[in-house]
Amino acid sequence: MTTEPAEGYAALFRSSPFLDRTGPFYSIGKGQSLSIGLRVLEHHLNARGLAHGGVLLTMADIALGYAMATTETPSVGAVTSHLSADFAGSAKLGDWVESRVDIQKIGRTLAFANAYLSVGDVRIVRASGVFAVTSRD
C-alpha cells in the first residue's frame, strides 16, 4: 500500500496544528480548481475500518474554505458559518480521496459553496458550506 499522494499533489500550502494532527493533507491548483487530497492511513480509520466521517468533514471544510480564499486577489478571509454533509459512500485504508469545489457566490458578507469528495470516480461525500466573509486582504 502506498502512503504517497496522487501525482501532482504537494503538501497543503497552509496548515494548522489541528490539520497537522489529522492529515497529512495535500493540494493542487487554486481557486475553483483547487483540489485537496488525502491518502487514507491507519490513524484516519474508525472502528469499522473506514475513513472516519470527521476526517472527511474536516477535508470538505478546508477544501471549501481554501478554494474560496484563493479565488480572488487579494485573498478572501472567511470562517465557516454552516457546514452540512451527506455521506453516500466510504473510503478504506490506502484509498486516495480528493475534493472538487463548486463556488456558488462570494458576496460582501457571506459566501456559498459545495464540495464533493471522491474515491476514483465514485462520489462519497457531498458537503455544503456557508462562510462569513471576514476580510479581503
N, C-alpha and C. Protein backbone atom coordinates (compact mmCIF):
# COMPACT_ATOMS: atom_id res chain seq x y z
N MET A 1 0.84 -1.18 0.00
CA MET A 1 0.00 0.00 0.00
C MET A 1 0.88 1.24 0.00
N THR A 2 0.61 2.14 -0.90
CA THR A 2 1.36 3.40 -0.94
C THR A 2 0.79 4.37 0.08
N THR A 3 1.66 5.19 0.63
CA THR A 3 1.24 6.27 1.52
C THR A 3 1.46 7.62 0.85
N GLU A 4 1.89 7.60 -0.39
CA GLU A 4 2.22 8.82 -1.13
C GLU A 4 0.96 9.48 -1.69
N PRO A 5 1.03 10.80 -1.92
CA PRO A 5 -0.10 11.48 -2.56
C PRO A 5 -0.20 11.11 -4.04
N ALA A 6 -1.33 11.41 -4.63
CA ALA A 6 -1.51 11.21 -6.06
C ALA A 6 -0.58 12.16 -6.82
N GLU A 7 -0.29 11.81 -8.06
CA GLU A 7 0.63 12.59 -8.88
C GLU A 7 0.17 14.04 -9.00
N GLY A 8 1.11 14.96 -8.83
CA GLY A 8 0.85 16.38 -8.97
C GLY A 8 0.48 17.08 -7.67
N TYR A 9 0.07 16.34 -6.66
CA TYR A 9 -0.30 16.93 -5.38
C TYR A 9 0.95 17.17 -4.55
N ALA A 10 0.93 18.27 -3.78
CA ALA A 10 2.03 18.61 -2.88
C ALA A 10 1.46 18.86 -1.49
N ALA A 11 2.32 18.92 -0.50
CA ALA A 11 1.87 19.20 0.86
C ALA A 11 0.99 20.44 0.87
N LEU A 12 -0.06 20.41 1.67
CA LEU A 12 -1.00 21.53 1.76
C LEU A 12 -0.25 22.82 2.01
N PHE A 13 -0.57 23.86 1.26
CA PHE A 13 0.16 25.12 1.30
C PHE A 13 -0.05 25.91 2.57
N ARG A 14 -1.10 25.58 3.32
CA ARG A 14 -1.37 26.26 4.60
C ARG A 14 -1.91 25.21 5.55
N SER A 15 -1.35 25.17 6.75
CA SER A 15 -1.78 24.16 7.70
C SER A 15 -2.02 24.80 9.06
N SER A 16 -2.28 23.97 10.04
CA SER A 16 -2.52 24.40 11.41
C SER A 16 -2.17 23.22 12.31
N PRO A 17 -2.05 23.43 13.62
CA PRO A 17 -1.78 22.29 14.50
C PRO A 17 -2.84 21.19 14.36
N PHE A 18 -4.10 21.56 14.19
CA PHE A 18 -5.15 20.56 14.03
C PHE A 18 -4.98 19.77 12.73
N LEU A 19 -4.75 20.47 11.63
CA LEU A 19 -4.59 19.78 10.35
C LEU A 19 -3.33 18.93 10.32
N ASP A 20 -2.28 19.37 11.02
CA ASP A 20 -1.06 18.56 11.10
C ASP A 20 -1.34 17.24 11.81
N ARG A 21 -2.23 17.24 12.78
CA ARG A 21 -2.56 16.01 13.52
C ARG A 21 -3.53 15.12 12.76
N THR A 22 -4.39 15.71 11.93
CA THR A 22 -5.41 14.91 11.24
C THR A 22 -5.01 14.52 9.84
N GLY A 23 -4.01 15.15 9.27
CA GLY A 23 -3.58 14.87 7.90
C GLY A 23 -2.68 13.66 7.80
N PRO A 24 -1.78 13.69 6.85
CA PRO A 24 -1.42 14.84 6.03
C PRO A 24 -2.38 15.06 4.86
N PHE A 25 -2.67 16.34 4.63
CA PHE A 25 -3.49 16.75 3.51
C PHE A 25 -2.58 17.31 2.41
N TYR A 26 -3.03 17.20 1.18
CA TYR A 26 -2.27 17.64 0.01
C TYR A 26 -3.16 18.53 -0.84
N SER A 27 -2.56 19.29 -1.75
CA SER A 27 -3.36 20.15 -2.62
C SER A 27 -2.73 20.27 -3.99
N ILE A 28 -3.58 20.68 -4.92
CA ILE A 28 -3.16 21.01 -6.28
C ILE A 28 -4.12 22.08 -6.78
N GLY A 29 -3.60 23.05 -7.52
CA GLY A 29 -4.44 24.11 -8.08
C GLY A 29 -4.75 25.19 -7.06
N LYS A 30 -5.65 26.09 -7.47
CA LYS A 30 -6.12 27.15 -6.57
C LYS A 30 -7.48 27.62 -7.04
N GLY A 31 -8.15 28.36 -6.18
CA GLY A 31 -9.48 28.86 -6.50
C GLY A 31 -10.45 27.73 -6.80
N GLN A 32 -11.29 27.96 -7.79
CA GLN A 32 -12.30 26.97 -8.17
C GLN A 32 -11.68 25.63 -8.57
N SER A 33 -10.45 25.64 -9.05
CA SER A 33 -9.81 24.39 -9.46
C SER A 33 -8.96 23.75 -8.36
N LEU A 34 -8.98 24.32 -7.14
CA LEU A 34 -8.23 23.74 -6.04
C LEU A 34 -8.82 22.37 -5.68
N SER A 35 -7.95 21.41 -5.49
CA SER A 35 -8.36 20.10 -5.01
C SER A 35 -7.51 19.75 -3.79
N ILE A 36 -8.16 19.32 -2.74
CA ILE A 36 -7.49 18.82 -1.54
C ILE A 36 -7.49 17.31 -1.65
N GLY A 37 -6.37 16.69 -1.28
CA GLY A 37 -6.26 15.23 -1.35
C GLY A 37 -5.84 14.65 -0.02
N LEU A 38 -6.23 13.40 0.19
CA LEU A 38 -5.87 12.67 1.41
C LEU A 38 -5.71 11.20 1.08
N ARG A 39 -4.58 10.64 1.49
CA ARG A 39 -4.39 9.19 1.42
C ARG A 39 -4.88 8.64 2.76
N VAL A 40 -5.85 7.74 2.75
CA VAL A 40 -6.41 7.20 3.99
C VAL A 40 -5.39 6.29 4.65
N LEU A 41 -4.97 6.71 5.84
CA LEU A 41 -3.98 5.97 6.62
C LEU A 41 -4.65 5.39 7.87
N GLU A 42 -3.91 4.58 8.58
CA GLU A 42 -4.44 3.90 9.76
C GLU A 42 -5.08 4.86 10.76
N HIS A 43 -4.45 6.01 11.01
CA HIS A 43 -4.99 6.93 12.02
C HIS A 43 -6.24 7.68 11.54
N HIS A 44 -6.65 7.51 10.30
CA HIS A 44 -7.89 8.10 9.79
C HIS A 44 -9.10 7.19 9.96
N LEU A 45 -8.87 5.94 10.37
CA LEU A 45 -9.93 4.93 10.38
C LEU A 45 -10.80 4.98 11.63
N ASN A 46 -12.08 4.63 11.43
CA ASN A 46 -12.98 4.46 12.56
C ASN A 46 -12.95 2.99 13.00
N ALA A 47 -13.82 2.62 13.92
CA ALA A 47 -13.83 1.25 14.46
C ALA A 47 -14.22 0.21 13.40
N ARG A 48 -14.85 0.65 12.32
CA ARG A 48 -15.25 -0.27 11.24
C ARG A 48 -14.19 -0.41 10.16
N GLY A 49 -13.08 0.30 10.32
CA GLY A 49 -12.00 0.20 9.35
C GLY A 49 -12.18 1.08 8.12
N LEU A 50 -13.05 2.09 8.23
CA LEU A 50 -13.28 3.03 7.14
C LEU A 50 -12.83 4.43 7.58
N ALA A 51 -12.61 5.31 6.61
CA ALA A 51 -12.24 6.68 6.94
C ALA A 51 -13.33 7.29 7.82
N HIS A 52 -12.93 7.85 8.95
CA HIS A 52 -13.87 8.45 9.89
C HIS A 52 -14.58 9.64 9.23
N GLY A 53 -15.86 9.76 9.48
CA GLY A 53 -16.63 10.87 8.92
C GLY A 53 -16.09 12.23 9.33
N GLY A 54 -15.53 12.34 10.53
CA GLY A 54 -14.95 13.60 10.98
C GLY A 54 -13.74 14.01 10.16
N VAL A 55 -12.95 13.04 9.73
CA VAL A 55 -11.80 13.34 8.87
C VAL A 55 -12.29 13.84 7.51
N LEU A 56 -13.32 13.18 6.97
CA LEU A 56 -13.85 13.59 5.67
C LEU A 56 -14.53 14.95 5.75
N LEU A 57 -15.23 15.23 6.86
CA LEU A 57 -15.86 16.54 7.02
C LEU A 57 -14.80 17.63 7.19
N THR A 58 -13.72 17.33 7.90
CA THR A 58 -12.60 18.27 8.01
C THR A 58 -12.04 18.57 6.62
N MET A 59 -11.86 17.54 5.83
CA MET A 59 -11.33 17.71 4.48
C MET A 59 -12.26 18.58 3.64
N ALA A 60 -13.56 18.34 3.73
CA ALA A 60 -14.53 19.16 2.99
C ALA A 60 -14.48 20.62 3.43
N ASP A 61 -14.36 20.84 4.73
CA ASP A 61 -14.32 22.20 5.26
C ASP A 61 -13.10 22.96 4.74
N ILE A 62 -11.93 22.33 4.76
CA ILE A 62 -10.74 23.03 4.26
C ILE A 62 -10.79 23.18 2.73
N ALA A 63 -11.36 22.22 2.04
CA ALA A 63 -11.49 22.34 0.58
C ALA A 63 -12.36 23.55 0.24
N LEU A 64 -13.48 23.69 0.91
CA LEU A 64 -14.38 24.81 0.66
C LEU A 64 -13.72 26.14 1.01
N GLY A 65 -13.19 26.24 2.21
CA GLY A 65 -12.60 27.50 2.66
C GLY A 65 -11.38 27.92 1.87
N TYR A 66 -10.49 26.98 1.60
CA TYR A 66 -9.27 27.32 0.88
C TYR A 66 -9.55 27.64 -0.59
N ALA A 67 -10.52 26.96 -1.18
CA ALA A 67 -10.89 27.28 -2.57
C ALA A 67 -11.43 28.70 -2.66
N MET A 68 -12.32 29.05 -1.73
CA MET A 68 -12.87 30.41 -1.74
C MET A 68 -11.79 31.45 -1.46
N ALA A 69 -10.91 31.16 -0.51
CA ALA A 69 -9.86 32.12 -0.13
C ALA A 69 -8.94 32.43 -1.30
N THR A 70 -8.67 31.43 -2.14
CA THR A 70 -7.70 31.62 -3.22
C THR A 70 -8.35 31.95 -4.56
N THR A 71 -9.64 32.19 -4.57
CA THR A 71 -10.35 32.52 -5.81
C THR A 71 -10.10 33.95 -6.27
N GLU A 72 -9.95 34.85 -5.31
CA GLU A 72 -9.80 36.26 -5.63
C GLU A 72 -8.43 36.78 -5.19
N THR A 73 -7.99 37.85 -5.82
CA THR A 73 -6.80 38.56 -5.39
C THR A 73 -7.22 40.00 -5.14
N PRO A 74 -7.06 40.50 -3.93
CA PRO A 74 -6.48 39.84 -2.77
C PRO A 74 -7.37 38.71 -2.26
N SER A 75 -6.78 37.86 -1.43
CA SER A 75 -7.50 36.68 -0.97
C SER A 75 -8.67 37.05 -0.06
N VAL A 76 -9.62 36.14 0.00
CA VAL A 76 -10.83 36.31 0.81
C VAL A 76 -10.61 35.62 2.14
N GLY A 77 -10.84 36.35 3.23
CA GLY A 77 -10.82 35.74 4.56
C GLY A 77 -12.23 35.36 4.92
N ALA A 78 -12.43 34.13 5.36
CA ALA A 78 -13.78 33.68 5.70
C ALA A 78 -13.70 32.61 6.78
N VAL A 79 -14.75 32.53 7.58
CA VAL A 79 -14.86 31.49 8.60
C VAL A 79 -16.15 30.71 8.37
N THR A 80 -16.11 29.44 8.69
CA THR A 80 -17.26 28.57 8.48
C THR A 80 -18.41 29.02 9.37
N SER A 81 -19.56 29.25 8.75
CA SER A 81 -20.77 29.62 9.47
C SER A 81 -21.72 28.43 9.55
N HIS A 82 -21.78 27.65 8.48
CA HIS A 82 -22.65 26.46 8.43
C HIS A 82 -22.00 25.44 7.51
N LEU A 83 -22.02 24.20 7.94
CA LEU A 83 -21.48 23.12 7.11
C LEU A 83 -22.39 21.91 7.28
N SER A 84 -22.86 21.38 6.17
CA SER A 84 -23.66 20.16 6.21
C SER A 84 -23.10 19.17 5.22
N ALA A 85 -23.34 17.89 5.48
CA ALA A 85 -22.78 16.88 4.60
C ALA A 85 -23.70 15.68 4.48
N ASP A 86 -23.62 15.05 3.32
CA ASP A 86 -24.30 13.79 3.06
C ASP A 86 -23.23 12.78 2.68
N PHE A 87 -23.22 11.66 3.40
CA PHE A 87 -22.26 10.60 3.14
C PHE A 87 -22.92 9.54 2.28
N ALA A 88 -22.44 9.40 1.05
CA ALA A 88 -23.03 8.47 0.10
C ALA A 88 -22.16 7.25 -0.14
N GLY A 89 -21.01 7.21 0.51
CA GLY A 89 -20.08 6.11 0.32
C GLY A 89 -19.02 6.17 1.39
N SER A 90 -17.95 5.44 1.18
CA SER A 90 -16.89 5.40 2.19
C SER A 90 -15.53 5.26 1.51
N ALA A 91 -14.49 5.45 2.32
CA ALA A 91 -13.12 5.26 1.85
C ALA A 91 -12.44 4.31 2.82
N LYS A 92 -11.59 3.45 2.27
CA LYS A 92 -10.91 2.47 3.12
C LYS A 92 -9.41 2.73 3.13
N LEU A 93 -8.72 2.00 3.96
CA LEU A 93 -7.28 2.13 4.12
C LEU A 93 -6.59 2.10 2.75
N GLY A 94 -5.76 3.10 2.50
CA GLY A 94 -5.00 3.19 1.25
C GLY A 94 -5.69 3.96 0.14
N ASP A 95 -7.00 4.21 0.27
CA ASP A 95 -7.72 4.96 -0.77
C ASP A 95 -7.21 6.39 -0.86
N TRP A 96 -7.24 6.93 -2.08
CA TRP A 96 -6.94 8.34 -2.30
C TRP A 96 -8.27 9.06 -2.43
N VAL A 97 -8.50 10.04 -1.55
CA VAL A 97 -9.73 10.84 -1.57
C VAL A 97 -9.36 12.23 -2.05
N GLU A 98 -10.13 12.77 -2.99
CA GLU A 98 -9.86 14.13 -3.46
C GLU A 98 -11.15 14.92 -3.57
N SER A 99 -10.98 16.24 -3.50
CA SER A 99 -12.15 17.14 -3.50
C SER A 99 -12.29 17.87 -4.82
N ARG A 100 -13.52 18.27 -5.06
CA ARG A 100 -13.85 19.19 -6.15
C ARG A 100 -14.83 20.19 -5.55
N VAL A 101 -14.59 21.47 -5.78
CA VAL A 101 -15.42 22.52 -5.17
C VAL A 101 -16.16 23.29 -6.25
N ASP A 102 -17.41 23.60 -5.96
CA ASP A 102 -18.24 24.45 -6.82
C ASP A 102 -18.62 25.67 -6.00
N ILE A 103 -18.01 26.81 -6.31
CA ILE A 103 -18.30 28.04 -5.59
C ILE A 103 -19.53 28.68 -6.21
N GLN A 104 -20.56 28.86 -5.41
CA GLN A 104 -21.80 29.46 -5.91
C GLN A 104 -21.71 30.98 -5.93
N LYS A 105 -21.27 31.55 -4.78
CA LYS A 105 -21.22 33.01 -4.70
C LYS A 105 -20.32 33.42 -3.55
N ILE A 106 -19.51 34.44 -3.80
CA ILE A 106 -18.77 35.09 -2.73
C ILE A 106 -19.26 36.53 -2.69
N GLY A 107 -20.06 36.81 -1.68
CA GLY A 107 -20.63 38.15 -1.55
C GLY A 107 -19.81 39.01 -0.59
N ARG A 108 -20.40 40.13 -0.23
CA ARG A 108 -19.72 41.06 0.67
C ARG A 108 -19.61 40.50 2.08
N THR A 109 -20.66 39.77 2.54
CA THR A 109 -20.65 39.26 3.91
C THR A 109 -20.76 37.74 4.01
N LEU A 110 -21.27 37.09 2.98
CA LEU A 110 -21.44 35.64 3.00
C LEU A 110 -20.92 35.01 1.71
N ALA A 111 -20.47 33.78 1.83
CA ALA A 111 -20.01 33.01 0.67
C ALA A 111 -20.64 31.62 0.74
N PHE A 112 -20.94 31.06 -0.43
CA PHE A 112 -21.64 29.78 -0.51
C PHE A 112 -20.91 28.86 -1.49
N ALA A 113 -20.74 27.60 -1.10
CA ALA A 113 -20.07 26.65 -1.99
C ALA A 113 -20.44 25.22 -1.62
N ASN A 114 -20.21 24.33 -2.57
CA ASN A 114 -20.41 22.90 -2.37
C ASN A 114 -19.10 22.19 -2.66
N ALA A 115 -18.87 21.10 -1.94
CA ALA A 115 -17.69 20.28 -2.18
C ALA A 115 -18.13 18.84 -2.38
N TYR A 116 -17.40 18.15 -3.22
CA TYR A 116 -17.65 16.73 -3.47
C TYR A 116 -16.34 16.00 -3.23
N LEU A 117 -16.38 14.98 -2.38
CA LEU A 117 -15.21 14.15 -2.14
C LEU A 117 -15.42 12.84 -2.87
N SER A 118 -14.38 12.39 -3.56
CA SER A 118 -14.47 11.19 -4.38
C SER A 118 -13.29 10.27 -4.15
N VAL A 119 -13.55 8.99 -4.32
CA VAL A 119 -12.52 7.96 -4.42
C VAL A 119 -12.62 7.44 -5.84
N GLY A 120 -11.61 7.74 -6.65
CA GLY A 120 -11.72 7.43 -8.07
C GLY A 120 -12.87 8.22 -8.68
N ASP A 121 -13.76 7.55 -9.39
CA ASP A 121 -14.91 8.20 -10.00
C ASP A 121 -16.16 8.16 -9.12
N VAL A 122 -16.02 7.66 -7.91
CA VAL A 122 -17.18 7.48 -7.03
C VAL A 122 -17.23 8.60 -5.99
N ARG A 123 -18.31 9.38 -6.03
CA ARG A 123 -18.51 10.42 -5.03
C ARG A 123 -18.92 9.76 -3.71
N ILE A 124 -18.24 10.13 -2.64
CA ILE A 124 -18.56 9.55 -1.33
C ILE A 124 -19.15 10.57 -0.36
N VAL A 125 -18.90 11.87 -0.58
CA VAL A 125 -19.42 12.92 0.30
C VAL A 125 -19.82 14.12 -0.55
N ARG A 126 -20.97 14.69 -0.19
CA ARG A 126 -21.38 15.99 -0.73
C ARG A 126 -21.52 16.91 0.47
N ALA A 127 -20.81 18.03 0.46
CA ALA A 127 -20.87 18.97 1.57
C ALA A 127 -21.25 20.34 1.05
N SER A 128 -22.02 21.05 1.85
CA SER A 128 -22.45 22.39 1.51
C SER A 128 -22.04 23.33 2.63
N GLY A 129 -21.43 24.44 2.27
CA GLY A 129 -20.94 25.36 3.28
C GLY A 129 -21.38 26.79 3.06
N VAL A 130 -21.60 27.48 4.15
CA VAL A 130 -21.84 28.92 4.17
C VAL A 130 -20.73 29.50 5.03
N PHE A 131 -20.08 30.53 4.51
CA PHE A 131 -18.95 31.14 5.21
C PHE A 131 -19.22 32.62 5.42
N ALA A 132 -18.85 33.13 6.59
CA ALA A 132 -18.92 34.55 6.86
C ALA A 132 -17.62 35.18 6.33
N VAL A 133 -17.76 36.14 5.42
CA VAL A 133 -16.59 36.81 4.87
C VAL A 133 -16.09 37.80 5.92
N THR A 134 -14.83 37.64 6.31
CA THR A 134 -14.26 38.49 7.36
C THR A 134 -13.34 39.58 6.80
N SER A 135 -12.74 39.31 5.64
CA SER A 135 -11.85 40.32 5.06
C SER A 135 -11.57 39.98 3.62
N ARG A 136 -11.05 40.97 2.95
CA ARG A 136 -10.47 40.78 1.62
C ARG A 136 -9.09 41.42 1.72
N ASP A 137 -8.07 40.57 1.96
CA ASP A 137 -6.71 41.05 2.27
C ASP A 137 -6.15 41.94 1.23
